[in-house]
Amino acid sequence: MGIWGSSPAAMCSVEERCAEWAAKYMEYCLCSTKDWVSFILGLISLMSWAVAEIPQIITNYKQKSAEGLSLAFLITWVVGFQNNTTWQCYIHLQH
Protein backbone atom coordinates (compact mmCIF):
# COMPACT_ATOMS: atom_id res chain seq x y z
CA MET A 1 0.00 0.00 0.00
CA GLY A 2 1.36 3.41 -0.95
CA ILE A 3 1.54 6.70 0.87
CA TRP A 4 -1.81 7.86 -0.48
CA GLY A 5 -3.64 4.63 0.25
CA SER A 6 -3.47 2.79 -3.06
CA SER A 7 -0.90 0.51 -4.59
CA PRO A 8 1.08 1.50 -7.72
CA ALA A 9 -0.40 -1.39 -9.66
CA ALA A 10 -3.89 -0.04 -9.05
CA MET A 11 -2.86 3.43 -10.25
CA CYS A 12 -0.99 2.48 -13.42
CA SER A 13 -2.84 1.59 -16.58
CA VAL A 14 -2.71 -2.09 -17.46
CA GLU A 15 -2.87 -1.38 -21.20
CA GLU A 16 0.14 0.95 -21.29
CA ARG A 17 3.75 0.01 -20.81
CA CYS A 18 4.92 1.95 -17.76
CA ALA A 19 8.31 2.43 -16.14
CA GLU A 20 8.44 -0.30 -13.50
CA TRP A 21 11.13 1.45 -11.43
CA ALA A 22 8.91 4.53 -11.02
CA ALA A 23 5.98 2.45 -9.83
CA LYS A 24 8.18 0.37 -7.54
CA TYR A 25 10.33 3.05 -5.90
CA MET A 26 8.25 6.22 -6.21
CA GLU A 27 4.72 4.84 -6.54
CA TYR A 28 4.36 6.97 -9.68
CA CYS A 29 3.16 5.95 -13.13
CA LEU A 30 5.35 6.95 -16.07
CA CYS A 31 3.38 5.60 -18.99
CA SER A 32 2.81 8.38 -21.50
CA THR A 33 4.86 11.21 -22.95
CA LYS A 34 2.82 13.58 -20.79
CA ASP A 35 3.85 11.62 -17.67
CA TRP A 36 7.52 11.74 -18.66
CA VAL A 37 7.46 15.47 -19.45
CA SER A 38 5.73 16.14 -16.13
CA PHE A 39 8.29 14.02 -14.29
CA ILE A 40 11.30 15.68 -15.93
CA LEU A 41 9.92 19.20 -15.38
CA GLY A 42 9.22 18.27 -11.77
CA LEU A 43 12.82 17.09 -11.33
CA ILE A 44 14.13 20.33 -12.86
CA SER A 45 11.88 22.31 -10.53
CA LEU A 46 13.03 20.32 -7.51
CA MET A 47 16.70 20.72 -8.37
CA SER A 48 16.27 24.46 -9.02
CA TRP A 49 14.52 24.87 -5.69
CA ALA A 50 17.16 22.82 -3.90
CA VAL A 51 20.13 24.82 -5.21
CA ALA A 52 18.55 28.31 -5.16
CA GLU A 53 20.01 29.16 -1.77
CA ILE A 54 23.55 27.90 -2.42
CA PRO A 55 24.97 31.18 -3.84
CA GLN A 56 23.52 33.10 -0.87
CA ILE A 57 25.00 30.61 1.60
CA ILE A 58 28.43 30.86 -0.03
CA THR A 59 28.29 34.67 -0.03
CA ASN A 60 27.23 34.77 3.61
CA TYR A 61 30.00 32.36 4.56
CA LYS A 62 32.68 34.34 2.72
CA GLN A 63 31.49 37.65 4.19
CA LYS A 64 30.91 36.10 7.63
CA SER A 65 27.60 37.94 7.67
CA ALA A 66 23.95 37.35 6.79
CA GLU A 67 23.27 41.05 6.36
CA GLY A 68 22.53 40.68 2.66
CA LEU A 69 20.04 37.86 3.17
CA SER A 70 16.76 38.88 1.62
CA LEU A 71 13.70 38.12 3.74
CA ALA A 72 11.53 38.55 0.64
CA PHE A 73 13.54 35.84 -1.13
CA LEU A 74 13.17 33.45 1.79
CA ILE A 75 9.41 34.07 1.99
CA THR A 76 9.05 33.56 -1.76
CA TRP A 77 11.12 30.38 -1.52
CA VAL A 78 8.92 28.94 1.26
CA VAL A 79 5.65 29.98 -0.42
CA GLY A 80 6.82 28.40 -3.68
CA PHE A 81 7.62 25.17 -1.87
CA GLN A 82 4.21 25.16 -0.18
CA ASN A 83 2.44 25.79 -3.49
CA ASN A 84 4.40 23.01 -5.18
CA THR A 85 3.60 20.59 -2.36
CA THR A 86 -0.10 21.48 -2.47
CA TRP A 87 -0.17 21.03 -6.25
CA GLN A 88 1.58 17.65 -6.05
CA CYS A 89 -0.88 16.42 -3.42
CA TYR A 90 -3.81 17.62 -5.54
CA ILE A 91 -2.49 15.92 -8.69
CA HIS A 92 -1.69 12.71 -6.82
CA LEU A 93 -5.18 12.55 -5.33
CA GLN A 94 -6.65 12.79 -8.84
CA HIS A 95 -5.45 9.22 -9.60
PDB file of N, CA and C in Angstrom:
ATOM      1  N   MET A   1       0.846  -1.175   0.000  1.00  0.00           N
ATOM      2  CA  MET A   1       0.000   0.000   0.000  1.00  0.00           C
ATOM      3  C   MET A   1       0.888   1.234   0.000  1.00  0.00           C
ATOM      4  N   GLY A   2       0.557   2.207  -0.807  1.00  0.00           N
ATOM      5  CA  GLY A   2       1.358   3.413  -0.954  1.00  0.00           C
ATOM      6  C   GLY A   2       1.027   4.473   0.073  1.00  0.00           C
ATOM      7  N   ILE A   3       1.713   5.575  -0.036  1.00  0.00           N
ATOM      8  CA  ILE A   3       1.543   6.701   0.874  1.00  0.00           C
ATOM      9  C   ILE A   3       0.115   7.215   0.844  1.00  0.00           C
ATOM     10  N   TRP A   4      -0.479   7.264  -0.318  1.00  0.00           N
ATOM     11  CA  TRP A   4      -1.808   7.856  -0.484  1.00  0.00           C
ATOM     12  C   TRP A   4      -2.924   6.830  -0.382  1.00  0.00           C
ATOM     13  N   GLY A   5      -2.608   5.612  -0.009  1.00  0.00           N
ATOM     14  CA  GLY A   5      -3.643   4.630   0.248  1.00  0.00           C
ATOM     15  C   GLY A   5      -3.935   3.653  -0.874  1.00  0.00           C
ATOM     16  N   SER A   6      -3.253   3.747  -1.984  1.00  0.00           N
ATOM     17  CA  SER A   6      -3.471   2.790  -3.064  1.00  0.00           C
ATOM     18  C   SER A   6      -2.134   2.273  -3.553  1.00  0.00           C
ATOM     19  N   SER A   7      -2.145   1.107  -4.117  1.00  0.00           N
ATOM     20  CA  SER A   7      -0.903   0.514  -4.594  1.00  0.00           C
ATOM     21  C   SER A   7      -0.573   1.037  -5.991  1.00  0.00           C
ATOM     22  N   PRO A   8       0.707   1.033  -6.395  1.00  0.00           N
ATOM     23  CA  PRO A   8       1.080   1.499  -7.725  1.00  0.00           C
ATOM     24  C   PRO A   8       0.399   0.714  -8.831  1.00  0.00           C
ATOM     25  N   ALA A   9       0.218  -0.571  -8.631  1.00  0.00           N
ATOM     26  CA  ALA A   9      -0.405  -1.388  -9.656  1.00  0.00           C
ATOM     27  C   ALA A   9      -1.835  -0.933  -9.927  1.00  0.00           C
ATOM     28  N   ALA A  10      -2.513  -0.498  -8.886  1.00  0.00           N
ATOM     29  CA  ALA A  10      -3.892  -0.043  -9.046  1.00  0.00           C
ATOM     30  C   ALA A  10      -3.942   1.304  -9.763  1.00  0.00           C
ATOM     31  N   MET A  11      -2.883   2.103  -9.661  1.00  0.00           N
ATOM     32  CA  MET A  11      -2.864   3.431 -10.252  1.00  0.00           C
ATOM     33  C   MET A  11      -2.425   3.406 -11.706  1.00  0.00           C
ATOM     34  N   CYS A  12      -1.528   2.526 -12.066  1.00  0.00           N
ATOM     35  CA  CYS A  12      -0.989   2.482 -13.419  1.00  0.00           C
ATOM     36  C   CYS A  12      -1.937   1.734 -14.346  1.00  0.00           C
ATOM     37  N   SER A  13      -1.993   2.203 -15.566  1.00  0.00           N
ATOM     38  CA  SER A  13      -2.836   1.592 -16.580  1.00  0.00           C
ATOM     39  C   SER A  13      -2.274   0.231 -16.978  1.00  0.00           C
ATOM     40  N   VAL A  14      -3.131  -0.744 -17.076  1.00  0.00           N
ATOM     41  CA  VAL A  14      -2.709  -2.093 -17.461  1.00  0.00           C
ATOM     42  C   VAL A  14      -2.358  -2.143 -18.943  1.00  0.00           C
ATOM     43  N   GLU A  15      -3.071  -1.344 -19.757  1.00  0.00           N
ATOM     44  CA  GLU A  15      -2.872  -1.378 -21.200  1.00  0.00           C
ATOM     45  C   GLU A  15      -1.541  -0.754 -21.633  1.00  0.00           C
ATOM     46  N   GLU A  16      -1.072   0.235 -20.894  1.00  0.00           N
ATOM     47  CA  GLU A  16       0.138   0.950 -21.292  1.00  0.00           C
ATOM     48  C   GLU A  16       1.377   0.317 -20.664  1.00  0.00           C
ATOM     49  N   ARG A  17       2.471   0.475 -21.348  1.00  0.00           N
ATOM     50  CA  ARG A  17       3.747   0.012 -20.808  1.00  0.00           C
ATOM     51  C   ARG A  17       4.329   1.150 -19.977  1.00  0.00           C
ATOM     52  N   CYS A  18       4.460   0.916 -18.689  1.00  0.00           N
ATOM     53  CA  CYS A  18       4.924   1.952 -17.763  1.00  0.00           C
ATOM     54  C   CYS A  18       6.307   1.608 -17.232  1.00  0.00           C
ATOM     55  N   ALA A  19       6.997   2.623 -16.749  1.00  0.00           N
ATOM     56  CA  ALA A  19       8.315   2.427 -16.143  1.00  0.00           C
ATOM     57  C   ALA A  19       8.131   1.724 -14.801  1.00  0.00           C
ATOM     58  N   GLU A  20       8.616   0.494 -14.717  1.00  0.00           N
ATOM     59  CA  GLU A  20       8.441  -0.297 -13.497  1.00  0.00           C
ATOM     60  C   GLU A  20       9.173   0.304 -12.309  1.00  0.00           C
ATOM     61  N   TRP A  21      10.362   0.881 -12.532  1.00  0.00           N
ATOM     62  CA  TRP A  21      11.129   1.451 -11.429  1.00  0.00           C
ATOM     63  C   TRP A  21      10.388   2.608 -10.785  1.00  0.00           C
ATOM     64  N   ALA A  22       9.656   3.391 -11.576  1.00  0.00           N
ATOM     65  CA  ALA A  22       8.911   4.526 -11.025  1.00  0.00           C
ATOM     66  C   ALA A  22       7.762   4.029 -10.160  1.00  0.00           C
ATOM     67  N   ALA A  23       7.077   3.010 -10.608  1.00  0.00           N
ATOM     68  CA  ALA A  23       5.979   2.446  -9.829  1.00  0.00           C
ATOM     69  C   ALA A  23       6.503   1.778  -8.561  1.00  0.00           C
ATOM     70  N   LYS A  24       7.628   1.108  -8.670  1.00  0.00           N
ATOM     71  CA  LYS A  24       8.180   0.373  -7.536  1.00  0.00           C
ATOM     72  C   LYS A  24       8.764   1.290  -6.468  1.00  0.00           C
ATOM     73  N   TYR A  25       9.601   2.238  -6.869  1.00  0.00           N
ATOM     74  CA  TYR A  25      10.334   3.046  -5.900  1.00  0.00           C
ATOM     75  C   TYR A  25       9.650   4.364  -5.539  1.00  0.00           C
ATOM     76  N   MET A  26       8.865   4.914  -6.468  1.00  0.00           N
ATOM     77  CA  MET A  26       8.255   6.222  -6.209  1.00  0.00           C
ATOM     78  C   MET A  26       6.732   6.167  -6.170  1.00  0.00           C
ATOM     79  N   GLU A  27       6.168   4.998  -6.472  1.00  0.00           N
ATOM     80  CA  GLU A  27       4.721   4.845  -6.541  1.00  0.00           C
ATOM     81  C   GLU A  27       4.118   5.876  -7.494  1.00  0.00           C
ATOM     82  N   TYR A  28       4.731   5.991  -8.671  1.00  0.00           N
ATOM     83  CA  TYR A  28       4.356   6.969  -9.676  1.00  0.00           C
ATOM     84  C   TYR A  28       4.311   6.283 -11.029  1.00  0.00           C
ATOM     85  N   CYS A  29       3.296   6.565 -11.811  1.00  0.00           N
ATOM     86  CA  CYS A  29       3.160   5.948 -13.133  1.00  0.00           C
ATOM     87  C   CYS A  29       3.790   6.833 -14.206  1.00  0.00           C
ATOM     88  N   LEU A  30       4.739   6.277 -14.922  1.00  0.00           N
ATOM     89  CA  LEU A  30       5.349   6.950 -16.067  1.00  0.00           C
ATOM     90  C   LEU A  30       5.010   6.120 -17.288  1.00  0.00           C
ATOM     91  N   CYS A  31       3.867   6.410 -17.863  1.00  0.00           N
ATOM     92  CA  CYS A  31       3.384   5.601 -18.987  1.00  0.00           C
ATOM     93  C   CYS A  31       3.379   6.372 -20.302  1.00  0.00           C
ATOM     94  N   SER A  32       2.960   7.608 -20.265  1.00  0.00           N
ATOM     95  CA  SER A  32       2.808   8.384 -21.500  1.00  0.00           C
ATOM     96  C   SER A  32       3.889   9.456 -21.598  1.00  0.00           C
ATOM     97  N   THR A  33       3.944  10.086 -22.755  1.00  0.00           N
ATOM     98  CA  THR A  33       4.862  11.212 -22.949  1.00  0.00           C
ATOM     99  C   THR A  33       4.538  12.327 -21.967  1.00  0.00           C
ATOM    100  N   LYS A  34       3.252  12.563 -21.747  1.00  0.00           N
ATOM    101  CA  LYS A  34       2.819  13.581 -20.789  1.00  0.00           C
ATOM    102  C   LYS A  34       3.355  13.281 -19.391  1.00  0.00           C
ATOM    103  N   ASP A  35       3.313  12.013 -18.975  1.00  0.00           N
ATOM    104  CA  ASP A  35       3.851  11.619 -17.667  1.00  0.00           C
ATOM    105  C   ASP A  35       5.352  11.896 -17.580  1.00  0.00           C
ATOM    106  N   TRP A  36       6.075  11.540 -18.645  1.00  0.00           N
ATOM    107  CA  TRP A  36       7.523  11.739 -18.661  1.00  0.00           C
ATOM    108  C   TRP A  36       7.894  13.220 -18.641  1.00  0.00           C
ATOM    109  N   VAL A  37       7.194  14.028 -19.434  1.00  0.00           N
ATOM    110  CA  VAL A  37       7.464  15.471 -19.452  1.00  0.00           C
ATOM    111  C   VAL A  37       7.188  16.063 -18.071  1.00  0.00           C
ATOM    112  N   SER A  38       6.074  15.668 -17.470  1.00  0.00           N
ATOM    113  CA  SER A  38       5.727  16.145 -16.132  1.00  0.00           C
ATOM    114  C   SER A  38       6.802  15.747 -15.120  1.00  0.00           C
ATOM    115  N   PHE A  39       7.265  14.512 -15.202  1.00  0.00           N
ATOM    116  CA  PHE A  39       8.288  14.016 -14.292  1.00  0.00           C
ATOM    117  C   PHE A  39       9.597  14.782 -14.441  1.00  0.00           C
ATOM    118  N   ILE A  40      10.033  14.981 -15.681  1.00  0.00           N
ATOM    119  CA  ILE A  40      11.296  15.684 -15.932  1.00  0.00           C
ATOM    120  C   ILE A  40      11.209  17.143 -15.501  1.00  0.00           C
ATOM    121  N   LEU A  41      10.089  17.813 -15.817  1.00  0.00           N
ATOM    122  CA  LEU A  41       9.925  19.203 -15.379  1.00  0.00           C
ATOM    123  C   LEU A  41       9.871  19.294 -13.856  1.00  0.00           C
ATOM    124  N   GLY A  42       9.256  18.312 -13.232  1.00  0.00           N
ATOM    125  CA  GLY A  42       9.221  18.270 -11.775  1.00  0.00           C
ATOM    126  C   GLY A  42      10.614  18.117 -11.181  1.00  0.00           C
ATOM    127  N   LEU A  43      11.441  17.256 -11.797  1.00  0.00           N
ATOM    128  CA  LEU A  43      12.825  17.094 -11.331  1.00  0.00           C
ATOM    129  C   LEU A  43      13.620  18.384 -11.496  1.00  0.00           C
ATOM    130  N   ILE A  44      13.442  19.050 -12.632  1.00  0.00           N
ATOM    131  CA  ILE A  44      14.132  20.330 -12.861  1.00  0.00           C
ATOM    132  C   ILE A  44      13.695  21.345 -11.813  1.00  0.00           C
ATOM    133  N   SER A  45      12.405  21.395 -11.537  1.00  0.00           N
ATOM    134  CA  SER A  45      11.879  22.313 -10.525  1.00  0.00           C
ATOM    135  C   SER A  45      12.458  21.999  -9.151  1.00  0.00           C
ATOM    136  N   LEU A  46      12.487  20.729  -8.804  1.00  0.00           N
ATOM    137  CA  LEU A  46      13.028  20.323  -7.507  1.00  0.00           C
ATOM    138  C   LEU A  46      14.504  20.683  -7.379  1.00  0.00           C
ATOM    139  N   MET A  47      15.266  20.413  -8.417  1.00  0.00           N
ATOM    140  CA  MET A  47      16.703  20.723  -8.373  1.00  0.00           C
ATOM    141  C   MET A  47      16.930  22.231  -8.310  1.00  0.00           C
ATOM    142  N   SER A  48      16.145  22.997  -9.060  1.00  0.00           N
ATOM    143  CA  SER A  48      16.267  24.462  -9.023  1.00  0.00           C
ATOM    144  C   SER A  48      15.954  24.984  -7.630  1.00  0.00           C
ATOM    145  N   TRP A  49      14.905  24.445  -7.045  1.00  0.00           N
ATOM    146  CA  TRP A  49      14.515  24.875  -5.692  1.00  0.00           C
ATOM    147  C   TRP A  49      15.606  24.501  -4.691  1.00  0.00           C
ATOM    148  N   ALA A  50      16.171  23.308  -4.851  1.00  0.00           N
ATOM    149  CA  ALA A  50      17.165  22.817  -3.902  1.00  0.00           C
ATOM    150  C   ALA A  50      18.460  23.625  -3.933  1.00  0.00           C
ATOM    151  N   VAL A  51      18.848  24.126  -5.101  1.00  0.00           N
ATOM    152  CA  VAL A  51      20.128  24.823  -5.207  1.00  0.00           C
ATOM    153  C   VAL A  51      19.988  26.348  -5.189  1.00  0.00           C
ATOM    154  N   ALA A  52      18.771  26.856  -5.091  1.00  0.00           N
ATOM    155  CA  ALA A  52      18.554  28.310  -5.164  1.00  0.00           C
ATOM    156  C   ALA A  52      19.267  29.069  -4.055  1.00  0.00           C
ATOM    157  N   GLU A  53      19.394  28.485  -2.905  1.00  0.00           N
ATOM    158  CA  GLU A  53      20.013  29.159  -1.768  1.00  0.00           C
ATOM    159  C   GLU A  53      21.533  29.039  -1.728  1.00  0.00           C
ATOM    160  N   ILE A  54      22.112  28.154  -2.509  1.00  0.00           N
ATOM    161  CA  ILE A  54      23.554  27.901  -2.415  1.00  0.00           C
ATOM    162  C   ILE A  54      24.406  29.153  -2.647  1.00  0.00           C
ATOM    163  N   PRO A  55      24.146  29.972  -3.674  1.00  0.00           N
ATOM    164  CA  PRO A  55      24.972  31.182  -3.838  1.00  0.00           C
ATOM    165  C   PRO A  55      24.876  32.123  -2.621  1.00  0.00           C
ATOM    166  N   GLN A  56      23.690  32.239  -2.045  1.00  0.00           N
ATOM    167  CA  GLN A  56      23.523  33.097  -0.869  1.00  0.00           C
ATOM    168  C   GLN A  56      24.307  32.540   0.322  1.00  0.00           C
ATOM    169  N   ILE A  57      24.268  31.242   0.504  1.00  0.00           N
ATOM    170  CA  ILE A  57      25.004  30.605   1.602  1.00  0.00           C
ATOM    171  C   ILE A  57      26.502  30.825   1.434  1.00  0.00           C
ATOM    172  N   ILE A  58      27.001  30.653   0.223  1.00  0.00           N
ATOM    173  CA  ILE A  58      28.432  30.856  -0.033  1.00  0.00           C
ATOM    174  C   ILE A  58      28.826  32.301   0.229  1.00  0.00           C
ATOM    175  N   THR A  59      28.015  33.245  -0.254  1.00  0.00           N
ATOM    176  CA  THR A  59      28.290  34.669  -0.033  1.00  0.00           C
ATOM    177  C   THR A  59      28.291  34.997   1.449  1.00  0.00           C
ATOM    178  N   ASN A  60      27.300  34.521   2.170  1.00  0.00           N
ATOM    179  CA  ASN A  60      27.231  34.769   3.612  1.00  0.00           C
ATOM    180  C   ASN A  60      28.432  34.184   4.332  1.00  0.00           C
ATOM    181  N   TYR A  61      28.860  32.998   3.926  1.00  0.00           N
ATOM    182  CA  TYR A  61      30.004  32.361   4.555  1.00  0.00           C
ATOM    183  C   TYR A  61      31.284  33.157   4.302  1.00  0.00           C
ATOM    184  N   LYS A  62      31.477  33.583   3.058  1.00  0.00           N
ATOM    185  CA  LYS A  62      32.685  34.342   2.717  1.00  0.00           C
ATOM    186  C   LYS A  62      32.725  35.691   3.432  1.00  0.00           C
ATOM    187  N   GLN A  63      31.553  36.337   3.547  1.00  0.00           N
ATOM    188  CA  GLN A  63      31.493  37.650   4.194  1.00  0.00           C
ATOM    189  C   GLN A  63      31.347  37.550   5.705  1.00  0.00           C
ATOM    190  N   LYS A  64      31.131  36.332   6.198  1.00  0.00           N
ATOM    191  CA  LYS A  64      30.914  36.096   7.631  1.00  0.00           C
ATOM    192  C   LYS A  64      29.765  36.959   8.151  1.00  0.00           C
ATOM    193  N   SER A  65      28.747  37.111   7.313  1.00  0.00           N
ATOM    194  CA  SER A  65      27.601  37.937   7.666  1.00  0.00           C
ATOM    195  C   SER A  65      26.375  37.487   6.871  1.00  0.00           C
ATOM    196  N   ALA A  66      25.210  37.644   7.483  1.00  0.00           N
ATOM    197  CA  ALA A  66      23.953  37.348   6.794  1.00  0.00           C
ATOM    198  C   ALA A  66      23.185  38.634   6.518  1.00  0.00           C
ATOM    199  N   GLU A  67      23.909  39.746   6.545  1.00  0.00           N
ATOM    200  CA  GLU A  67      23.273  41.046   6.357  1.00  0.00           C
ATOM    201  C   GLU A  67      22.578  41.175   5.011  1.00  0.00           C
ATOM    202  N   GLY A  68      23.111  40.558   3.989  1.00  0.00           N
ATOM    203  CA  GLY A  68      22.534  40.676   2.660  1.00  0.00           C
ATOM    204  C   GLY A  68      21.419  39.681   2.375  1.00  0.00           C
ATOM    205  N   LEU A  69      21.081  38.862   3.359  1.00  0.00           N
ATOM    206  CA  LEU A  69      20.039  37.856   3.169  1.00  0.00           C
ATOM    207  C   LEU A  69      18.678  38.524   3.018  1.00  0.00           C
ATOM    208  N   SER A  70      18.027  38.250   1.927  1.00  0.00           N
ATOM    209  CA  SER A  70      16.758  38.880   1.620  1.00  0.00           C
ATOM    210  C   SER A  70      15.609  38.094   2.250  1.00  0.00           C
ATOM    211  N   LEU A  71      14.870  38.743   3.134  1.00  0.00           N
ATOM    212  CA  LEU A  71      13.704  38.122   3.745  1.00  0.00           C
ATOM    213  C   LEU A  71      12.644  37.848   2.679  1.00  0.00           C
ATOM    214  N   ALA A  72      12.501  38.746   1.719  1.00  0.00           N
ATOM    215  CA  ALA A  72      11.528  38.551   0.640  1.00  0.00           C
ATOM    216  C   ALA A  72      11.858  37.291  -0.160  1.00  0.00           C
ATOM    217  N   PHE A  73      13.142  37.047  -0.410  1.00  0.00           N
ATOM    218  CA  PHE A  73      13.538  35.845  -1.133  1.00  0.00           C
ATOM    219  C   PHE A  73      13.185  34.601  -0.336  1.00  0.00           C
ATOM    220  N   LEU A  74      13.480  34.611   0.954  1.00  0.00           N
ATOM    221  CA  LEU A  74      13.169  33.452   1.787  1.00  0.00           C
ATOM    222  C   LEU A  74      11.668  33.181   1.842  1.00  0.00           C
ATOM    223  N   ILE A  75      10.875  34.228   1.959  1.00  0.00           N
ATOM    224  CA  ILE A  75       9.414  34.066   1.986  1.00  0.00           C
ATOM    225  C   ILE A  75       8.927  33.515   0.655  1.00  0.00           C
ATOM    226  N   THR A  76       9.432  34.047  -0.436  1.00  0.00           N
ATOM    227  CA  THR A  76       9.053  33.560  -1.762  1.00  0.00           C
ATOM    228  C   THR A  76       9.450  32.102  -1.931  1.00  0.00           C
ATOM    229  N   TRP A  77      10.596  31.744  -1.441  1.00  0.00           N
ATOM    230  CA  TRP A  77      11.117  30.383  -1.517  1.00  0.00           C
ATOM    231  C   TRP A  77      10.192  29.423  -0.769  1.00  0.00           C
ATOM    232  N   VAL A  78       9.801  29.792   0.446  1.00  0.00           N
ATOM    233  CA  VAL A  78       8.925  28.944   1.255  1.00  0.00           C
ATOM    234  C   VAL A  78       7.524  28.859   0.642  1.00  0.00           C
ATOM    235  N   VAL A  79       6.981  29.978   0.196  1.00  0.00           N
ATOM    236  CA  VAL A  79       5.649  29.983  -0.421  1.00  0.00           C
ATOM    237  C   VAL A  79       5.656  29.135  -1.694  1.00  0.00           C
ATOM    238  N   GLY A  80       6.707  29.226  -2.482  1.00  0.00           N
ATOM    239  CA  GLY A  80       6.822  28.401  -3.681  1.00  0.00           C
ATOM    240  C   GLY A  80       6.844  26.926  -3.343  1.00  0.00           C
ATOM    241  N   PHE A  81       7.571  26.567  -2.301  1.00  0.00           N
ATOM    242  CA  PHE A  81       7.620  25.169  -1.870  1.00  0.00           C
ATOM    243  C   PHE A  81       6.241  24.698  -1.413  1.00  0.00           C
ATOM    244  N   GLN A  82       5.556  25.526  -0.643  1.00  0.00           N
ATOM    245  CA  GLN A  82       4.210  25.165  -0.176  1.00  0.00           C
ATOM    246  C   GLN A  82       3.244  24.995  -1.346  1.00  0.00           C
ATOM    247  N   ASN A  83       3.310  25.895  -2.309  1.00  0.00           N
ATOM    248  CA  ASN A  83       2.445  25.786  -3.491  1.00  0.00           C
ATOM    249  C   ASN A  83       2.745  24.517  -4.286  1.00  0.00           C
ATOM    250  N   ASN A  84       4.010  24.216  -4.453  1.00  0.00           N
ATOM    251  CA  ASN A  84       4.402  23.013  -5.184  1.00  0.00           C
ATOM    252  C   ASN A  84       3.906  21.763  -4.455  1.00  0.00           C
ATOM    253  N   THR A  85       4.058  21.732  -3.146  1.00  0.00           N
ATOM    254  CA  THR A  85       3.603  20.588  -2.365  1.00  0.00           C
ATOM    255  C   THR A  85       2.086  20.424  -2.467  1.00  0.00           C
ATOM    256  N   THR A  86       1.360  21.519  -2.350  1.00  0.00           N
ATOM    257  CA  THR A  86      -0.103  21.476  -2.467  1.00  0.00           C
ATOM    258  C   THR A  86      -0.507  20.964  -3.844  1.00  0.00           C
ATOM    259  N   TRP A  87       0.147  21.462  -4.885  1.00  0.00           N
ATOM    260  CA  TRP A  87      -0.166  21.034  -6.249  1.00  0.00           C
ATOM    261  C   TRP A  87       0.108  19.544  -6.424  1.00  0.00           C
ATOM    262  N   GLN A  88       1.240  19.069  -5.917  1.00  0.00           N
ATOM    263  CA  GLN A  88       1.580  17.655  -6.055  1.00  0.00           C
ATOM    264  C   GLN A  88       0.568  16.770  -5.326  1.00  0.00           C
ATOM    265  N   CYS A  89       0.134  17.188  -4.154  1.00  0.00           N
ATOM    266  CA  CYS A  89      -0.883  16.425  -3.420  1.00  0.00           C
ATOM    267  C   CYS A  89      -2.187  16.399  -4.197  1.00  0.00           C
ATOM    268  N   TYR A  90      -2.581  17.527  -4.750  1.00  0.00           N
ATOM    269  CA  TYR A  90      -3.811  17.617  -5.538  1.00  0.00           C
ATOM    270  C   TYR A  90      -3.745  16.694  -6.755  1.00  0.00           C
ATOM    271  N   ILE A  91      -2.656  16.741  -7.488  1.00  0.00           N
ATOM    272  CA  ILE A  91      -2.494  15.920  -8.687  1.00  0.00           C
ATOM    273  C   ILE A  91      -2.494  14.450  -8.310  1.00  0.00           C
ATOM    274  N   HIS A  92      -1.787  14.109  -7.241  1.00  0.00           N
ATOM    275  CA  HIS A  92      -1.686  12.707  -6.824  1.00  0.00           C
ATOM    276  C   HIS A  92      -3.047  12.158  -6.389  1.00  0.00           C
ATOM    277  N   LEU A  93      -3.852  12.993  -5.773  1.00  0.00           N
ATOM    278  CA  LEU A  93      -5.176  12.554  -5.326  1.00  0.00           C
ATOM    279  C   LEU A  93      -6.147  12.383  -6.489  1.00  0.00           C
ATOM    280  N   GLN A  94      -5.818  12.928  -7.659  1.00  0.00           N
ATOM    281  CA  GLN A  94      -6.655  12.787  -8.837  1.00  0.00           C
ATOM    282  C   GLN A  94      -6.651  11.358  -9.374  1.00  0.00           C
ATOM    283  N   HIS A  95      -5.595  10.605  -9.074  1.00  0.00           N
ATOM    284  CA  HIS A  95      -5.450   9.223  -9.596  1.00  0.00           C
ATOM    285  C   HIS A  95      -6.215   8.251  -8.745  1.00  0.00           C
TER     286      HIS A  95
END
